[in-house]
Amino acid sequence: MWDTFRNNFIDDCTSCGLDGTNLKCAQCKNNNNGQNPNPTIALNSGIGYANGQLTCALK
């Protein structure tokens, strides 16, 4: 998952799920071994979430 605050990728996320039009996780580790509570990605017509993975809309 992309961390918009630190501008890097996050790994080891826990308890991710949909919250309206957002994908929200309870907590993720970032690449610097820090913790990022409640990271969120806004889903839209170009970014989706299906089968536990982020997806891209192809036109």
PDB file of N, CA and C in Angstrom:
ATOM      1  N   MET A   1       0.850  -1.171   0.000  1.00  0.00           N
ATOM      2  CA  MET A   1       0.000   0.000   0.000  1.00  0.00           C
ATOM      3  C   MET A   1       0.894   1.231   0.000  1.00  0.00           C
ATOM      4  N   TRP A   2       0.502   2.278  -0.693  1.00  0.00           N
ATOM      5  CA  TRP A   2       1.275   3.513  -0.762  1.00  0.00           C
ATOM      6  C   TRP A   2       0.924   4.399   0.418  1.00  0.00           C
ATOM      7  N   ASP A   3       1.939   4.872   1.128  1.00  0.00           N
ATOM      8  CA  ASP A   3       1.766   5.774   2.259  1.00  0.00           C
ATOM      9  C   ASP A   3       1.867   7.204   1.743  1.00  0.00           C
ATOM     10  N   THR A   4       0.747   7.910   1.680  1.00  0.00           N
ATOM     11  CA  THR A   4       0.735   9.260   1.119  1.00  0.00           C
ATOM     12  C   THR A   4       1.423  10.275   2.019  1.00  0.00           C
ATOM     13  N   PHE A   5       1.581   9.966   3.296  1.00  0.00           N
ATOM     14  CA  PHE A   5       2.237  10.902   4.207  1.00  0.00           C
ATOM     15  C   PHE A   5       3.759  10.798   4.129  1.00  0.00           C
ATOM     16  N   ARG A   6       4.278   9.582   3.975  1.00  0.00           N
ATOM     17  CA  ARG A   6       5.732   9.380   3.945  1.00  0.00           C
ATOM     18  C   ARG A   6       6.258   9.131   2.528  1.00  0.00           C
ATOM     19  N   ASN A   7       5.361   9.050   1.558  1.00  0.00           N
ATOM     20  CA  ASN A   7       5.731   8.821   0.160  1.00  0.00           C
ATOM     21  C   ASN A   7       6.595   7.577  -0.038  1.00  0.00           C
ATOM     22  N   ASN A   8       6.142   6.472   0.535  1.00  0.00           N
ATOM     23  CA  ASN A   8       6.784   5.187   0.270  1.00  0.00           C
ATOM     24  C   ASN A   8       5.749   4.081   0.399  1.00  0.00           C
ATOM     25  N   PHE A   9       6.154   2.857   0.067  1.00  0.00           N
ATOM     26  CA  PHE A   9       5.232   1.735   0.146  1.00  0.00           C
ATOM     27  C   PHE A   9       5.176   1.174   1.554  1.00  0.00           C
ATOM     28  N   ILE A  10       4.011   0.695   1.945  1.00  0.00           N
ATOM     29  CA  ILE A  10       3.786   0.087   3.248  1.00  0.00           C
ATOM     30  C   ILE A  10       3.666  -1.418   3.038  1.00  0.00           C
ATOM     31  N   ASP A  11       4.219  -2.187   3.958  1.00  0.00           N
ATOM     32  CA  ASP A  11       3.985  -3.627   3.922  1.00  0.00           C
ATOM     33  C   ASP A  11       3.473  -4.073   5.285  1.00  0.00           C
ATOM     34  N   ASP A  12       3.115  -5.324   5.410  1.00  0.00           N
ATOM     35  CA  ASP A  12       2.641  -5.897   6.672  1.00  0.00           C
ATOM     36  C   ASP A  12       1.451  -5.150   7.266  1.00  0.00           C
ATOM     37  N   CYS A  13       0.386  -5.011   6.499  1.00  0.00           N
ATOM     38  CA  CYS A  13      -0.828  -4.355   6.992  1.00  0.00           C
ATOM     39  C   CYS A  13      -1.733  -5.375   7.685  1.00  0.00           C
ATOM     40  N   THR A  14      -2.504  -4.914   8.667  1.00  0.00           N
ATOM     41  CA  THR A  14      -3.430  -5.789   9.374  1.00  0.00           C
ATOM     42  C   THR A  14      -4.839  -5.225   9.308  1.00  0.00           C
ATOM     43  N   SER A  15      -5.804  -6.111   9.270  1.00  0.00           N
ATOM     44  CA  SER A  15      -7.230  -5.763   9.344  1.00  0.00           C
ATOM     45  C   SER A  15      -7.641  -4.713   8.323  1.00  0.00           C
ATOM     46  N   CYS A  16      -7.378  -4.981   7.055  1.00  0.00           N
ATOM     47  CA  CYS A  16      -7.781  -4.051   5.991  1.00  0.00           C
ATOM     48  C   CYS A  16      -9.195  -4.366   5.520  1.00  0.00           C
ATOM     49  N   GLY A  17      -9.931  -3.331   5.168  1.00  0.00           N
ATOM     50  CA  GLY A  17     -11.279  -3.518   4.659  1.00  0.00           C
ATOM     51  C   GLY A  17     -11.845  -2.220   4.126  1.00  0.00           C
ATOM     52  N   LEU A  18     -13.011  -2.312   3.536  1.00  0.00           N
ATOM     53  CA  LEU A  18     -13.656  -1.143   2.957  1.00  0.00           C
ATOM     54  C   LEU A  18     -14.406  -0.354   4.013  1.00  0.00           C
ATOM     55  N   ASP A  19     -14.292   0.962   3.915  1.00  0.00           N
ATOM     56  CA  ASP A  19     -15.024   1.895   4.760  1.00  0.00           C
ATOM     57  C   ASP A  19     -15.622   2.934   3.827  1.00  0.00           C
ATOM     58  N   GLY A  20     -16.827   2.674   3.339  1.00  0.00           N
ATOM     59  CA  GLY A  20     -17.419   3.541   2.316  1.00  0.00           C
ATOM     60  C   GLY A  20     -16.642   3.403   1.027  1.00  0.00           C
ATOM     61  N   THR A  21     -16.087   4.510   0.530  1.00  0.00           N
ATOM     62  CA  THR A  21     -15.281   4.477  -0.692  1.00  0.00           C
ATOM     63  C   THR A  21     -13.789   4.518  -0.376  1.00  0.00           C
ATOM     64  N   ASN A  22     -13.417   4.133   0.839  1.00  0.00           N
ATOM     65  CA  ASN A  22     -12.013   4.106   1.243  1.00  0.00           C
ATOM     66  C   ASN A  22     -11.586   2.701   1.634  1.00  0.00           C
ATOM     67  N   LEU A  23     -10.335   2.380   1.361  1.00  0.00           N
ATOM     68  CA  LEU A  23      -9.714   1.175   1.886  1.00  0.00           C
ATOM     69  C   LEU A  23      -8.930   1.600   3.116  1.00  0.00           C
ATOM     70  N   LYS A  24      -9.252   1.024   4.251  1.00  0.00           N
ATOM     71  CA  LYS A  24      -8.628   1.424   5.509  1.00  0.00           C
ATOM     72  C   LYS A  24      -8.082   0.192   6.208  1.00  0.00           C
ATOM     73  N   CYS A  25      -6.898   0.329   6.796  1.00  0.00           N
ATOM     74  CA  CYS A  25      -6.284  -0.750   7.568  1.00  0.00           C
ATOM     75  C   CYS A  25      -6.150  -0.308   9.020  1.00  0.00           C
ATOM     76  N   ALA A  26      -6.132  -1.281   9.924  1.00  0.00           N
ATOM     77  CA  ALA A  26      -5.971  -0.952  11.343  1.00  0.00           C
ATOM     78  C   ALA A  26      -4.569  -0.426  11.607  1.00  0.00           C
ATOM     79  N   GLN A  27      -3.580  -1.041  10.971  1.00  0.00           N
ATOM     80  CA  GLN A  27      -2.203  -0.617  11.182  1.00  0.00           C
ATOM     81  C   GLN A  27      -1.327  -1.225  10.106  1.00  0.00           C
ATOM     82  N   CYS A  28      -0.295  -0.488   9.704  1.00  0.00           N
ATOM     83  CA  CYS A  28       0.679  -0.993   8.742  1.00  0.00           C
ATOM     84  C   CYS A  28       2.080  -0.626   9.200  1.00  0.00           C
ATOM     85  N   LYS A  29       3.036  -1.496   8.862  1.00  0.00           N
ATOM     86  CA  LYS A  29       4.442  -1.153   9.034  1.00  0.00           C
ATOM     87  C   LYS A  29       4.881  -0.440   7.776  1.00  0.00           C
ATOM     88  N   ASN A  30       5.669   0.620   7.925  1.00  0.00           N
ATOM     89  CA  ASN A  30       6.222   1.239   6.730  1.00  0.00           C
ATOM     90  C   ASN A  30       7.623   0.690   6.479  1.00  0.00           C
ATOM     91  N   ASN A  31       8.250   1.122   5.412  1.00  0.00           N
ATOM     92  CA  ASN A  31       9.546   0.571   5.028  1.00  0.00           C
ATOM     93  C   ASN A  31      10.648   0.878   6.032  1.00  0.00           C
ATOM     94  N   ASN A  32      10.419   1.843   6.919  1.00  0.00           N
ATOM     95  CA  ASN A  32      11.426   2.199   7.918  1.00  0.00           C
ATOM     96  C   ASN A  32      11.164   1.509   9.249  1.00  0.00           C
ATOM     97  N   ASN A  33      10.347   0.453   9.249  1.00  0.00           N
ATOM     98  CA  ASN A  33       9.971  -0.303  10.447  1.00  0.00           C
ATOM     99  C   ASN A  33       9.164   0.503  11.449  1.00  0.00           C
ATOM    100  N   GLY A  34       8.651   1.656  11.030  1.00  0.00           N
ATOM    101  CA  GLY A  34       7.749   2.417  11.881  1.00  0.00           C
ATOM    102  C   GLY A  34       6.328   1.902  11.732  1.00  0.00           C
ATOM    103  N   GLN A  35       5.440   2.348  12.589  1.00  0.00           N
ATOM    104  CA  GLN A  35       4.033   1.959  12.534  1.00  0.00           C
ATOM    105  C   GLN A  35       3.202   3.124  12.022  1.00  0.00           C
ATOM    106  N   ASN A  36       2.261   2.836  11.169  1.00  0.00           N
ATOM    107  CA  ASN A  36       1.370   3.855  10.629  1.00  0.00           C
ATOM    108  C   ASN A  36      -0.061   3.435  10.956  1.00  0.00           C
ATOM    109  N   PRO A  37      -0.691   4.027  11.979  1.00  0.00           N
ATOM    110  CA  PRO A  37      -2.050   3.631  12.339  1.00  0.00           C
ATOM    111  C   PRO A  37      -3.088   4.185  11.366  1.00  0.00           C
ATOM    112  N   ASN A  38      -4.078   3.371  11.047  1.00  0.00           N
ATOM    113  CA  ASN A  38      -5.224   3.764  10.216  1.00  0.00           C
ATOM    114  C   ASN A  38      -4.871   4.365   8.860  1.00  0.00           C
ATOM    115  N   PRO A  39      -3.958   3.766   8.089  1.00  0.00           N
ATOM    116  CA  PRO A  39      -3.709   4.291   6.748  1.00  0.00           C
ATOM    117  C   PRO A  39      -4.941   4.082   5.869  1.00  0.00           C
ATOM    118  N   THR A  40      -5.184   5.029   4.971  1.00  0.00           N
ATOM    119  CA  THR A  40      -6.389   5.015   4.142  1.00  0.00           C
ATOM    120  C   THR A  40      -6.035   5.355   2.699  1.00  0.00           C
ATOM    121  N   ILE A  41      -6.650   4.655   1.757  1.00  0.00           N
ATOM    122  CA  ILE A  41      -6.564   4.992   0.337  1.00  0.00           C
ATOM    123  C   ILE A  41      -7.977   5.251  -0.157  1.00  0.00           C
ATOM    124  N   ALA A  42      -8.189   6.400  -0.782  1.00  0.00           N
ATOM    125  CA  ALA A  42      -9.498   6.720  -1.351  1.00  0.00           C
ATOM    126  C   ALA A  42      -9.666   5.955  -2.660  1.00  0.00           C
ATOM    127  N   LEU A  43     -10.749   5.194  -2.771  1.00  0.00           N
ATOM    128  CA  LEU A  43     -11.037   4.450  -3.991  1.00  0.00           C
ATOM    129  C   LEU A  43     -11.872   5.328  -4.916  1.00  0.00           C
ATOM    130  N   ASN A  44     -11.631   5.204  -6.217  1.00  0.00           N
ATOM    131  CA  ASN A  44     -12.384   5.990  -7.195  1.00  0.00           C
ATOM    132  C   ASN A  44     -12.532   5.165  -8.471  1.00  0.00           C
ATOM    133  N   SER A  45     -12.857   5.805  -9.573  1.00  0.00           N
ATOM    134  CA  SER A  45     -13.085   5.051 -10.804  1.00  0.00           C
ATOM    135  C   SER A  45     -11.806   4.435 -11.367  1.00  0.00           C
ATOM    136  N   GLY A  46     -10.625   4.875 -10.907  1.00  0.00           N
ATOM    137  CA  GLY A  46      -9.373   4.316 -11.398  1.00  0.00           C
ATOM    138  C   GLY A  46      -8.722   3.350 -10.437  1.00  0.00           C
ATOM    139  N   ILE A  47      -9.112   3.401  -9.155  1.00  0.00           N
ATOM    140  CA  ILE A  47      -8.543   2.527  -8.135  1.00  0.00           C
ATOM    141  C   ILE A  47      -9.676   1.788  -7.452  1.00  0.00           C
ATOM    142  N   GLY A  48      -9.602   0.469  -7.442  1.00  0.00           N
ATOM    143  CA  GLY A  48     -10.622  -0.344  -6.791  1.00  0.00           C
ATOM    144  C   GLY A  48      -9.998  -1.355  -5.847  1.00  0.00           C
ATOM    145  N   TYR A  49     -10.847  -2.118  -5.164  1.00  0.00           N
ATOM    146  CA  TYR A  49     -10.395  -3.139  -4.218  1.00  0.00           C
ATOM    147  C   TYR A  49     -11.255  -4.372  -4.431  1.00  0.00           C
ATOM    148  N   ALA A  50     -10.625  -5.475  -4.814  1.00  0.00           N
ATOM    149  CA  ALA A  50     -11.363  -6.710  -5.068  1.00  0.00           C
ATOM    150  C   ALA A  50     -10.509  -7.904  -4.674  1.00  0.00           C
ATOM    151  N   ASN A  51     -11.120  -8.893  -4.058  1.00  0.00           N
ATOM    152  CA  ASN A  51     -10.430 -10.121  -3.659  1.00  0.00           C
ATOM    153  C   ASN A  51      -9.183  -9.851  -2.820  1.00  0.00           C
ATOM    154  N   GLY A  52      -9.268  -8.849  -1.942  1.00  0.00           N
ATOM    155  CA  GLY A  52      -8.160  -8.547  -1.041  1.00  0.00           C
ATOM    156  C   GLY A  52      -6.998  -7.805  -1.658  1.00  0.00           C
ATOM    157  N   GLN A  53      -7.175  -7.255  -2.885  1.00  0.00           N
ATOM    158  CA  GLN A  53      -6.088  -6.534  -3.539  1.00  0.00           C
ATOM    159  C   GLN A  53      -6.597  -5.258  -4.175  1.00  0.00           C
ATOM    160  N   LEU A  54      -5.716  -4.252  -4.243  1.00  0.00           N
ATOM    161  CA  LEU A  54      -6.043  -3.049  -4.998  1.00  0.00           C
ATOM    162  C   LEU A  54      -6.030  -3.389  -6.476  1.00  0.00           C
ATOM    163  N   THR A  55      -6.920  -2.789  -7.236  1.00  0.00           N
ATOM    164  CA  THR A  55      -7.011  -3.050  -8.668  1.00  0.00           C
ATOM    165  C   THR A  55      -7.011  -1.734  -9.428  1.00  0.00           C
ATOM    166  N   CYS A  56      -6.640  -1.785 -10.682  1.00  0.00           N
ATOM    167  CA  CYS A  56      -6.668  -0.615 -11.559  1.00  0.00           C
ATOM    168  C   CYS A  56      -7.737  -0.819 -12.620  1.00  0.00           C
ATOM    169  N   ALA A  57      -8.459   0.247 -12.931  1.00  0.00           N
ATOM    170  CA  ALA A  57      -9.470   0.182 -13.983  1.00  0.00           C
ATOM    171  C   ALA A  57      -8.791   0.412 -15.331  1.00  0.00           C
ATOM    172  N   LEU A  58      -9.017  -0.478 -16.256  1.00  0.00           N
ATOM    173  CA  LEU A  58      -8.462  -0.325 -17.598  1.00  0.00           C
ATOM    174  C   LEU A  58      -9.534   0.219 -18.513  1.00  0.00           C
ATOM    175  N   LYS A  59      -9.158   1.175 -19.333  1.00  0.00           N
ATOM    176  CA  LYS A  59     -10.126   1.768 -20.267  1.00  0.00           C
ATOM    177  C   LYS A  59      -9.807   1.356 -21.673  1.00  0.00           C
TER     178      LYS A  59
END
